[in-house]
PDB file of all heavy atoms in Angstrom:
ATOM      1  N   ASP A   1      72.273 -93.966 -32.141  1.00  0.00           N
ATOM      2  CA  ASP A   1      71.607 -94.998 -32.926  1.00  0.00           C
ATOM      3  C   ASP A   1      70.137 -94.666 -33.053  1.00  0.00           C
ATOM      4  O   ASP A   1      69.495 -94.214 -32.111  1.00  0.00           O
ATOM      5  CB  ASP A   1      71.756 -96.362 -32.258  1.00  0.00           C
ATOM      6  CG  ASP A   1      73.171 -96.885 -32.330  1.00  0.00           C
ATOM      7  OD1 ASP A   1      73.912 -96.452 -33.234  1.00  0.00           O
ATOM      8  OD2 ASP A   1      73.532 -97.714 -31.485  1.00  0.00           O
ATOM      9  N   SER A   2      69.602 -94.883 -34.238  1.00  0.00           N
ATOM     10  CA  SER A   2      68.170 -94.665 -34.424  1.00  0.00           C
ATOM     11  C   SER A   2      67.545 -95.941 -34.960  1.00  0.00           C
ATOM     12  O   SER A   2      68.166 -96.679 -35.722  1.00  0.00           O
ATOM     13  CB  SER A   2      67.909 -93.509 -35.381  1.00  0.00           C
ATOM     14  OG  SER A   2      68.474 -93.778 -36.644  1.00  0.00           O
ATOM     15  N   VAL A   3      66.336 -96.167 -34.547  1.00  0.00           N
ATOM     16  CA  VAL A   3      65.616 -97.369 -34.946  1.00  0.00           C
ATOM     17  C   VAL A   3      64.333 -96.934 -35.647  1.00  0.00           C
ATOM     18  O   VAL A   3      63.588 -96.105 -35.139  1.00  0.00           O
ATOM     19  CB  VAL A   3      65.286 -98.242 -33.716  1.00  0.00           C
ATOM     20  CG1 VAL A   3      64.478 -99.450 -34.121  1.00  0.00           C
ATOM     21  CG2 VAL A   3      66.552 -98.655 -33.012  1.00  0.00           C
ATOM     22  N   ILE A   4      64.115 -97.482 -36.822  1.00  0.00           N
ATOM     23  CA  ILE A   4      62.870 -97.218 -37.537  1.00  0.00           C
ATOM     24  C   ILE A   4      61.924 -98.361 -37.210  1.00  0.00           C
ATOM     25  O   ILE A   4      62.174 -99.510 -37.577  1.00  0.00           O
ATOM     26  CB  ILE A   4      63.104 -97.108 -39.051  1.00  0.00           C
ATOM     27  CG1 ILE A   4      64.076 -95.968 -39.347  1.00  0.00           C
ATOM     28  CG2 ILE A   4      61.796 -96.893 -39.781  1.00  0.00           C
ATOM     29  CD1 ILE A   4      64.487 -95.857 -40.786  1.00  0.00           C
ATOM     30  N   THR A   5      60.842 -98.038 -36.529  1.00  0.00           N
ATOM     31  CA  THR A   5      59.925 -99.076 -36.073  1.00  0.00           C
ATOM     32  C   THR A   5      59.020 -99.547 -37.207  1.00  0.00           C
ATOM     33  O   THR A   5      58.848 -98.860 -38.214  1.00  0.00           O
ATOM     34  CB  THR A   5      59.057 -98.549 -34.922  1.00  0.00           C
ATOM     35  OG1 THR A   5      58.261 -97.460 -35.403  1.00  0.00           O
ATOM     36  CG2 THR A   5      59.907 -98.087 -33.758  1.00  0.00           C
ATOM     37  N   ALA A   6      58.426-100.697 -36.997  1.00  0.00           N
ATOM     38  CA  ALA A   6      57.487-101.240 -37.981  1.00  0.00           C
ATOM     39  C   ALA A   6      56.265-100.344 -38.099  1.00  0.00           C
ATOM     40  O   ALA A   6      55.715-100.181 -39.192  1.00  0.00           O
ATOM     41  CB  ALA A   6      57.079-102.649 -37.579  1.00  0.00           C
ATOM     42  N   LYS A   7      55.843 -99.748 -36.992  1.00  0.00           N
ATOM     43  CA  LYS A   7      54.692 -98.849 -37.011  1.00  0.00           C
ATOM     44  C   LYS A   7      54.970 -97.634 -37.899  1.00  0.00           C
ATOM     45  O   LYS A   7      54.115 -97.218 -38.684  1.00  0.00           O
ATOM     46  CB  LYS A   7      54.373 -98.402 -35.575  1.00  0.00           C
ATOM     47  CG  LYS A   7      53.183 -97.505 -35.454  1.00  0.00           C
ATOM     48  CD  LYS A   7      52.939 -97.115 -33.999  1.00  0.00           C
ATOM     49  CE  LYS A   7      51.791 -96.148 -33.886  1.00  0.00           C
ATOM     50  NZ  LYS A   7      51.577 -95.731 -32.493  1.00  0.00           N
ATOM     51  N   PHE A   8      56.165 -97.082 -37.793  1.00  0.00           N
ATOM     52  CA  PHE A   8      56.555 -95.932 -38.608  1.00  0.00           C
ATOM     53  C   PHE A   8      56.579 -96.307 -40.089  1.00  0.00           C
ATOM     54  O   PHE A   8      56.078 -95.565 -40.943  1.00  0.00           O
ATOM     55  CB  PHE A   8      57.923 -95.416 -38.158  1.00  0.00           C
ATOM     56  CG  PHE A   8      58.426 -94.262 -38.966  1.00  0.00           C
ATOM     57  CD1 PHE A   8      57.961 -92.981 -38.738  1.00  0.00           C
ATOM     58  CD2 PHE A   8      59.381 -94.459 -39.963  1.00  0.00           C
ATOM     59  CE1 PHE A   8      58.431 -91.915 -39.482  1.00  0.00           C
ATOM     60  CE2 PHE A   8      59.849 -93.402 -40.711  1.00  0.00           C
ATOM     61  CZ  PHE A   8      59.381 -92.124 -40.470  1.00  0.00           C
ATOM     62  N   LYS A   9      57.166 -97.463 -40.402  1.00  0.00           N
ATOM     63  CA  LYS A   9      57.233 -97.920 -41.796  1.00  0.00           C
ATOM     64  C   LYS A   9      55.832 -98.111 -42.375  1.00  0.00           C
ATOM     65  O   LYS A   9      55.559 -97.735 -43.516  1.00  0.00           O
ATOM     66  CB  LYS A   9      58.005 -99.231 -41.894  1.00  0.00           C
ATOM     67  CG  LYS A   9      59.476 -99.109 -41.629  1.00  0.00           C
ATOM     68  CD  LYS A   9      60.107-100.497 -41.694  1.00  0.00           C
ATOM     69  CE  LYS A   9      61.508-100.500 -41.180  1.00  0.00           C
ATOM     70  NZ  LYS A   9      62.088-101.854 -41.166  1.00  0.00           N
ATOM     71  N   LYS A  10      54.949 -98.722 -41.586  1.00  0.00           N
ATOM     72  CA  LYS A  10      53.586 -98.978 -42.047  1.00  0.00           C
ATOM     73  C   LYS A  10      52.846 -97.664 -42.295  1.00  0.00           C
ATOM     74  O   LYS A  10      52.138 -97.526 -43.305  1.00  0.00           O
ATOM     75  CB  LYS A  10      52.835 -99.823 -41.016  1.00  0.00           C
ATOM     76  CG  LYS A  10      51.481-100.274 -41.472  1.00  0.00           C
ATOM     77  CD  LYS A  10      50.838-101.195 -40.449  1.00  0.00           C
ATOM     78  CE  LYS A  10      49.470-101.644 -40.921  1.00  0.00           C
ATOM     79  NZ  LYS A  10      48.827-102.521 -39.959  1.00  0.00           N
ATOM     80  N   ARG A  11      53.013 -96.684 -41.395  1.00  0.00           N
ATOM     81  CA  ARG A  11      52.344 -95.396 -41.562  1.00  0.00           C
ATOM     82  C   ARG A  11      52.845 -94.679 -42.811  1.00  0.00           C
ATOM     83  O   ARG A  11      52.054 -94.154 -43.596  1.00  0.00           O
ATOM     84  CB  ARG A  11      52.571 -94.520 -40.329  1.00  0.00           C
ATOM     85  CG  ARG A  11      51.846 -93.185 -40.418  1.00  0.00           C
ATOM     86  CD  ARG A  11      52.063 -92.328 -39.200  1.00  0.00           C
ATOM     87  NE  ARG A  11      53.464 -91.935 -39.141  1.00  0.00           N
ATOM     88  CZ  ARG A  11      54.178 -91.875 -38.034  1.00  0.00           C
ATOM     89  NH1 ARG A  11      53.647 -92.184 -36.873  1.00  0.00           N
ATOM     90  NH2 ARG A  11      55.443 -91.501 -38.068  1.00  0.00           N
ATOM     91  N   GLU A  12      54.150 -94.683 -43.037  1.00  0.00           N
ATOM     92  CA  GLU A  12      54.709 -94.010 -44.205  1.00  0.00           C
ATOM     93  C   GLU A  12      54.289 -94.705 -45.502  1.00  0.00           C
ATOM     94  O   GLU A  12      53.997 -94.047 -46.498  1.00  0.00           O
ATOM     95  CB  GLU A  12      56.230 -93.936 -44.111  1.00  0.00           C
ATOM     96  CG  GLU A  12      56.720 -93.029 -43.018  1.00  0.00           C
ATOM     97  CD  GLU A  12      56.219 -91.604 -43.143  1.00  0.00           C
ATOM     98  OE1 GLU A  12      56.271 -91.016 -44.238  1.00  0.00           O
ATOM     99  OE2 GLU A  12      55.773 -91.057 -42.119  1.00  0.00           O
ATOM    100  N   LEU A  13      54.250 -96.027 -45.488  1.00  0.00           N
ATOM    101  CA  LEU A  13      53.805 -96.771 -46.670  1.00  0.00           C
ATOM    102  C   LEU A  13      52.340 -96.470 -46.964  1.00  0.00           C
ATOM    103  O   LEU A  13      51.962 -96.278 -48.124  1.00  0.00           O
ATOM    104  CB  LEU A  13      54.007 -98.276 -46.468  1.00  0.00           C
ATOM    105  CG  LEU A  13      53.592 -99.165 -47.631  1.00  0.00           C
ATOM    106  CD1 LEU A  13      54.414 -98.850 -48.870  1.00  0.00           C
ATOM    107  CD2 LEU A  13      53.738-100.624 -47.262  1.00  0.00           C
ATOM    108  N   THR A  14      51.520 -96.391 -45.930  1.00  0.00           N
ATOM    109  CA  THR A  14      50.109 -96.059 -46.109  1.00  0.00           C
ATOM    110  C   THR A  14      49.955 -94.664 -46.706  1.00  0.00           C
ATOM    111  O   THR A  14      49.169 -94.465 -47.646  1.00  0.00           O
ATOM    112  CB  THR A  14      49.360 -96.148 -44.768  1.00  0.00           C
ATOM    113  OG1 THR A  14      49.517 -97.459 -44.236  1.00  0.00           O
ATOM    114  CG2 THR A  14      47.887 -95.834 -44.939  1.00  0.00           C
ATOM    115  N   ILE A  15      50.707 -93.717 -46.196  1.00  0.00           N
ATOM    116  CA  ILE A  15      50.637 -92.350 -46.718  1.00  0.00           C
ATOM    117  C   ILE A  15      51.090 -92.316 -48.177  1.00  0.00           C
ATOM    118  O   ILE A  15      50.470 -91.663 -49.015  1.00  0.00           O
ATOM    119  CB  ILE A  15      51.477 -91.398 -45.843  1.00  0.00           C
ATOM    120  CG1 ILE A  15      50.829 -91.244 -44.475  1.00  0.00           C
ATOM    121  CG2 ILE A  15      51.635 -90.038 -46.512  1.00  0.00           C
ATOM    122  CD1 ILE A  15      51.685 -90.530 -43.456  1.00  0.00           C
ATOM    123  N   ALA A  16      52.159 -93.027 -48.502  1.00  0.00           N
ATOM    124  CA  ALA A  16      52.651 -93.068 -49.877  1.00  0.00           C
ATOM    125  C   ALA A  16      51.625 -93.706 -50.816  1.00  0.00           C
ATOM    126  O   ALA A  16      51.413 -93.225 -51.939  1.00  0.00           O
ATOM    127  CB  ALA A  16      53.972 -93.829 -49.944  1.00  0.00           C
ATOM    128  N   LEU A  17      50.969 -94.765 -50.367  1.00  0.00           N
ATOM    129  CA  LEU A  17      49.949 -95.410 -51.201  1.00  0.00           C
ATOM    130  C   LEU A  17      48.730 -94.516 -51.397  1.00  0.00           C
ATOM    131  O   LEU A  17      48.144 -94.492 -52.486  1.00  0.00           O
ATOM    132  CB  LEU A  17      49.542 -96.751 -50.593  1.00  0.00           C
ATOM    133  CG  LEU A  17      50.595 -97.859 -50.694  1.00  0.00           C
ATOM    134  CD1 LEU A  17      50.126 -99.101 -49.953  1.00  0.00           C
ATOM    135  CD2 LEU A  17      50.913 -98.178 -52.138  1.00  0.00           C
ATOM    136  N   VAL A  18      48.363 -93.770 -50.366  1.00  0.00           N
ATOM    137  CA  VAL A  18      47.250 -92.822 -50.505  1.00  0.00           C
ATOM    138  C   VAL A  18      47.613 -91.732 -51.513  1.00  0.00           C
ATOM    139  O   VAL A  18      46.795 -91.347 -52.345  1.00  0.00           O
ATOM    140  CB  VAL A  18      46.864 -92.223 -49.134  1.00  0.00           C
ATOM    141  CG1 VAL A  18      45.954 -91.021 -49.284  1.00  0.00           C
ATOM    142  CG2 VAL A  18      46.208 -93.283 -48.267  1.00  0.00           C
ATOM    143  N   CYS A  19      48.853 -91.250 -51.462  1.00  0.00           N
ATOM    144  CA  CYS A  19      49.303 -90.246 -52.432  1.00  0.00           C
ATOM    145  C   CYS A  19      49.284 -90.806 -53.851  1.00  0.00           C
ATOM    146  O   CYS A  19      48.865 -90.122 -54.796  1.00  0.00           O
ATOM    147  CB  CYS A  19      50.698 -89.753 -52.072  1.00  0.00           C
ATOM    148  SG  CYS A  19      50.755 -88.747 -50.588  1.00  0.00           S
ATOM    149  N   PHE A  20      49.721 -92.056 -54.012  1.00  0.00           N
ATOM    150  CA  PHE A  20      49.680 -92.676 -55.331  1.00  0.00           C
ATOM    151  C   PHE A  20      48.237 -92.836 -55.803  1.00  0.00           C
ATOM    152  O   PHE A  20      47.923 -92.573 -56.965  1.00  0.00           O
ATOM    153  CB  PHE A  20      50.375 -94.039 -55.321  1.00  0.00           C
ATOM    154  CG  PHE A  20      50.350 -94.717 -56.658  1.00  0.00           C
ATOM    155  CD1 PHE A  20      51.243 -94.345 -57.642  1.00  0.00           C
ATOM    156  CD2 PHE A  20      49.431 -95.714 -56.939  1.00  0.00           C
ATOM    157  CE1 PHE A  20      51.221 -94.952 -58.892  1.00  0.00           C
ATOM    158  CE2 PHE A  20      49.396 -96.326 -58.175  1.00  0.00           C
ATOM    159  CZ  PHE A  20      50.295 -95.955 -59.158  1.00  0.00           C
ATOM    160  N   GLY A  21      47.356 -93.262 -54.905  1.00  0.00           N
ATOM    161  CA  GLY A  21      45.946 -93.410 -55.269  1.00  0.00           C
ATOM    162  C   GLY A  21      45.334 -92.087 -55.676  1.00  0.00           C
ATOM    163  O   GLY A  21      44.569 -92.021 -56.653  1.00  0.00           O
ATOM    164  N   LEU A  22      45.662 -91.026 -54.967  1.00  0.00           N
ATOM    165  CA  LEU A  22      45.158 -89.700 -55.307  1.00  0.00           C
ATOM    166  C   LEU A  22      45.658 -89.261 -56.681  1.00  0.00           C
ATOM    167  O   LEU A  22      44.880 -88.753 -57.494  1.00  0.00           O
ATOM    168  CB  LEU A  22      45.583 -88.698 -54.237  1.00  0.00           C
ATOM    169  CG  LEU A  22      45.135 -87.258 -54.415  1.00  0.00           C
ATOM    170  CD1 LEU A  22      43.608 -87.170 -54.380  1.00  0.00           C
ATOM    171  CD2 LEU A  22      45.740 -86.380 -53.336  1.00  0.00           C
ATOM    172  N   ALA A  23      46.935 -89.484 -56.951  1.00  0.00           N
ATOM    173  CA  ALA A  23      47.492 -89.134 -58.258  1.00  0.00           C
ATOM    174  C   ALA A  23      46.845 -89.963 -59.369  1.00  0.00           C
ATOM    175  O   ALA A  23      46.566 -89.446 -60.464  1.00  0.00           O
ATOM    176  CB  ALA A  23      49.005 -89.328 -58.257  1.00  0.00           C
ATOM    177  N   PHE A  24      46.581 -91.222 -59.104  1.00  0.00           N
ATOM    178  CA  PHE A  24      45.939 -92.082 -60.100  1.00  0.00           C
ATOM    179  C   PHE A  24      44.516 -91.611 -60.381  1.00  0.00           C
ATOM    180  O   PHE A  24      44.075 -91.576 -61.535  1.00  0.00           O
ATOM    181  CB  PHE A  24      45.932 -93.540 -59.609  1.00  0.00           C
ATOM    182  CG  PHE A  24      45.527 -94.518 -60.658  1.00  0.00           C
ATOM    183  CD1 PHE A  24      46.436 -94.928 -61.615  1.00  0.00           C
ATOM    184  CD2 PHE A  24      44.240 -95.030 -60.702  1.00  0.00           C
ATOM    185  CE1 PHE A  24      46.070 -95.838 -62.595  1.00  0.00           C
ATOM    186  CE2 PHE A  24      43.865 -95.932 -61.670  1.00  0.00           C
ATOM    187  CZ  PHE A  24      44.783 -96.339 -62.628  1.00  0.00           C
ATOM    188  N   ILE A  25      43.793 -91.214 -59.336  1.00  0.00           N
ATOM    189  CA  ILE A  25      42.430 -90.702 -59.507  1.00  0.00           C
ATOM    190  C   ILE A  25      42.448 -89.415 -60.315  1.00  0.00           C
ATOM    191  O   ILE A  25      41.588 -89.206 -61.184  1.00  0.00           O
ATOM    192  CB  ILE A  25      41.751 -90.515 -58.134  1.00  0.00           C
ATOM    193  CG1 ILE A  25      41.451 -91.883 -57.525  1.00  0.00           C
ATOM    194  CG2 ILE A  25      40.480 -89.682 -58.249  1.00  0.00           C
ATOM    195  CD1 ILE A  25      41.011 -91.833 -56.076  1.00  0.00           C
ATOM    196  N   VAL A  26      43.427 -88.553 -60.058  1.00  0.00           N
ATOM    197  CA  VAL A  26      43.549 -87.320 -60.840  1.00  0.00           C
ATOM    198  C   VAL A  26      43.792 -87.666 -62.305  1.00  0.00           C
ATOM    199  O   VAL A  26      43.203 -87.046 -63.206  1.00  0.00           O
ATOM    200  CB  VAL A  26      44.674 -86.421 -60.282  1.00  0.00           C
ATOM    201  CG1 VAL A  26      45.017 -85.299 -61.237  1.00  0.00           C
ATOM    202  CG2 VAL A  26      44.284 -85.871 -58.927  1.00  0.00           C
ATOM    203  N   ASN A  27      44.612 -88.665 -62.580  1.00  0.00           N
ATOM    204  CA  ASN A  27      44.880 -89.091 -63.948  1.00  0.00           C
ATOM    205  C   ASN A  27      43.600 -89.598 -64.621  1.00  0.00           C
ATOM    206  O   ASN A  27      43.312 -89.241 -65.769  1.00  0.00           O
ATOM    207  CB  ASN A  27      45.955 -90.176 -63.965  1.00  0.00           C
ATOM    208  CG  ASN A  27      46.389 -90.533 -65.365  1.00  0.00           C
ATOM    209  OD1 ASN A  27      46.398 -89.707 -66.259  1.00  0.00           O
ATOM    210  ND2 ASN A  27      46.770 -91.786 -65.548  1.00  0.00           N
ATOM    211  N   VAL A  28      42.831 -90.405 -63.920  1.00  0.00           N
ATOM    212  CA  VAL A  28      41.579 -90.917 -64.482  1.00  0.00           C
ATOM    213  C   VAL A  28      40.613 -89.767 -64.776  1.00  0.00           C
ATOM    214  O   VAL A  28      39.974 -89.726 -65.830  1.00  0.00           O
ATOM    215  CB  VAL A  28      40.938 -91.953 -63.535  1.00  0.00           C
ATOM    216  CG1 VAL A  28      39.538 -92.311 -63.982  1.00  0.00           C
ATOM    217  CG2 VAL A  28      41.803 -93.201 -63.454  1.00  0.00           C
ATOM    218  N   CYS A  29      40.527 -88.814 -63.856  1.00  0.00           N
ATOM    219  CA  CYS A  29      39.642 -87.658 -64.071  1.00  0.00           C
ATOM    220  C   CYS A  29      40.077 -86.846 -65.283  1.00  0.00           C
ATOM    221  O   CYS A  29      39.231 -86.360 -66.047  1.00  0.00           O
ATOM    222  CB  CYS A  29      39.616 -86.776 -62.829  1.00  0.00           C
ATOM    223  SG  CYS A  29      38.768 -87.531 -61.436  1.00  0.00           S
ATOM    224  N   CYS A  30      41.377 -86.699 -65.466  1.00  0.00           N
ATOM    225  CA  CYS A  30      41.871 -85.966 -66.637  1.00  0.00           C
ATOM    226  C   CYS A  30      41.570 -86.714 -67.934  1.00  0.00           C
ATOM    227  O   CYS A  30      41.227 -86.097 -68.947  1.00  0.00           O
ATOM    228  CB  CYS A  30      43.365 -85.707 -66.506  1.00  0.00           C
ATOM    229  SG  CYS A  30      43.766 -84.483 -65.264  1.00  0.00           S
ATOM    230  N   VAL A  31      41.694 -88.032 -67.917  1.00  0.00           N
ATOM    231  CA  VAL A  31      41.368 -88.821 -69.107  1.00  0.00           C
ATOM    232  C   VAL A  31      39.896 -88.654 -69.459  1.00  0.00           C
ATOM    233  O   VAL A  31      39.528 -88.476 -70.625  1.00  0.00           O
ATOM    234  CB  VAL A  31      41.725 -90.310 -68.880  1.00  0.00           C
ATOM    235  CG1 VAL A  31      41.090 -91.201 -69.943  1.00  0.00           C
ATOM    236  CG2 VAL A  31      43.230 -90.493 -68.865  1.00  0.00           C
ATOM    237  N   ILE A  32      39.043 -88.657 -68.446  1.00  0.00           N
ATOM    238  CA  ILE A  32      37.610 -88.475 -68.682  1.00  0.00           C
ATOM    239  C   ILE A  32      37.320 -87.051 -69.158  1.00  0.00           C
ATOM    240  O   ILE A  32      36.568 -86.843 -70.121  1.00  0.00           O
ATOM    241  CB  ILE A  32      36.809 -88.809 -67.406  1.00  0.00           C
ATOM    242  CG1 ILE A  32      36.910 -90.306 -67.109  1.00  0.00           C
ATOM    243  CG2 ILE A  32      35.352 -88.389 -67.550  1.00  0.00           C
ATOM    244  CD1 ILE A  32      36.372 -90.709 -65.754  1.00  0.00           C
ATOM    245  N   ALA A  33      37.913 -86.062 -68.497  1.00  0.00           N
ATOM    246  CA  ALA A  33      37.624 -84.664 -68.812  1.00  0.00           C
ATOM    247  C   ALA A  33      38.066 -84.282 -70.218  1.00  0.00           C
ATOM    248  O   ALA A  33      37.385 -83.507 -70.896  1.00  0.00           O
ATOM    249  CB  ALA A  33      38.297 -83.748 -67.790  1.00  0.00           C
ATOM    250  N   TYR A  34      39.202 -84.813 -70.659  1.00  0.00           N
ATOM    251  CA  TYR A  34      39.729 -84.443 -71.971  1.00  0.00           C
ATOM    252  C   TYR A  34      39.397 -85.467 -73.052  1.00  0.00           C
ATOM    253  O   TYR A  34      39.911 -85.375 -74.165  1.00  0.00           O
ATOM    254  CB  TYR A  34      41.242 -84.224 -71.882  1.00  0.00           C
ATOM    255  CG  TYR A  34      41.592 -83.015 -71.060  1.00  0.00           C
ATOM    256  CD1 TYR A  34      42.151 -83.151 -69.803  1.00  0.00           C
ATOM    257  CD2 TYR A  34      41.354 -81.732 -71.538  1.00  0.00           C
ATOM    258  CE1 TYR A  34      42.472 -82.042 -69.036  1.00  0.00           C
ATOM    259  CE2 TYR A  34      41.670 -80.616 -70.788  1.00  0.00           C
ATOM    260  CZ  TYR A  34      42.225 -80.776 -69.529  1.00  0.00           C
ATOM    261  OH  TYR A  34      42.535 -79.681 -68.775  1.00  0.00           O
ATOM    262  N   SER A  35      38.557 -86.436 -72.732  1.00  0.00           N
ATOM    263  CA  SER A  35      38.114 -87.468 -73.682  1.00  0.00           C
ATOM    264  C   SER A  35      39.288 -88.162 -74.370  1.00  0.00           C
ATOM    265  O   SER A  35      39.288 -88.364 -75.590  1.00  0.00           O
ATOM    266  CB  SER A  35      37.180 -86.859 -74.726  1.00  0.00           C
ATOM    267  OG  SER A  35      36.059 -86.285 -74.110  1.00  0.00           O
ATOM    268  N   CYS A  36      40.280 -88.516 -73.604  1.00  0.00           N
ATOM    269  CA  CYS A  36      41.446 -89.223 -74.135  1.00  0.00           C
ATOM    270  C   CYS A  36      41.154 -90.720 -74.160  1.00  0.00           C
ATOM    271  O   CYS A  36      40.257 -91.204 -73.469  1.00  0.00           O
ATOM    272  CB  CYS A  36      42.665 -88.969 -73.260  1.00  0.00           C
ATOM    273  SG  CYS A  36      43.199 -87.260 -73.239  1.00  0.00           S
ATOM    274  N   PRO A  37      41.919 -91.464 -74.954  1.00  0.00           N
ATOM    275  CA  PRO A  37      41.759 -92.917 -74.928  1.00  0.00           C
ATOM    276  C   PRO A  37      42.148 -93.485 -73.559  1.00  0.00           C
ATOM    277  O   PRO A  37      43.035 -92.960 -72.881  1.00  0.00           O
ATOM    278  CB  PRO A  37      42.719 -93.421 -75.999  1.00  0.00           C
ATOM    279  CG  PRO A  37      43.412 -92.244 -76.561  1.00  0.00           C
ATOM    280  CD  PRO A  37      42.900 -91.018 -75.919  1.00  0.00           C
TER     281      PRO A  37
END
């Protein structure tokens, strides 16, 4: 039996949100760099 702790879930969610934020920032930088709407 394996148990996924709340601490593990919180850490993985934080990492996933940081990855999403990084990807979103890259998207914003590309919009600025290429003068897109």
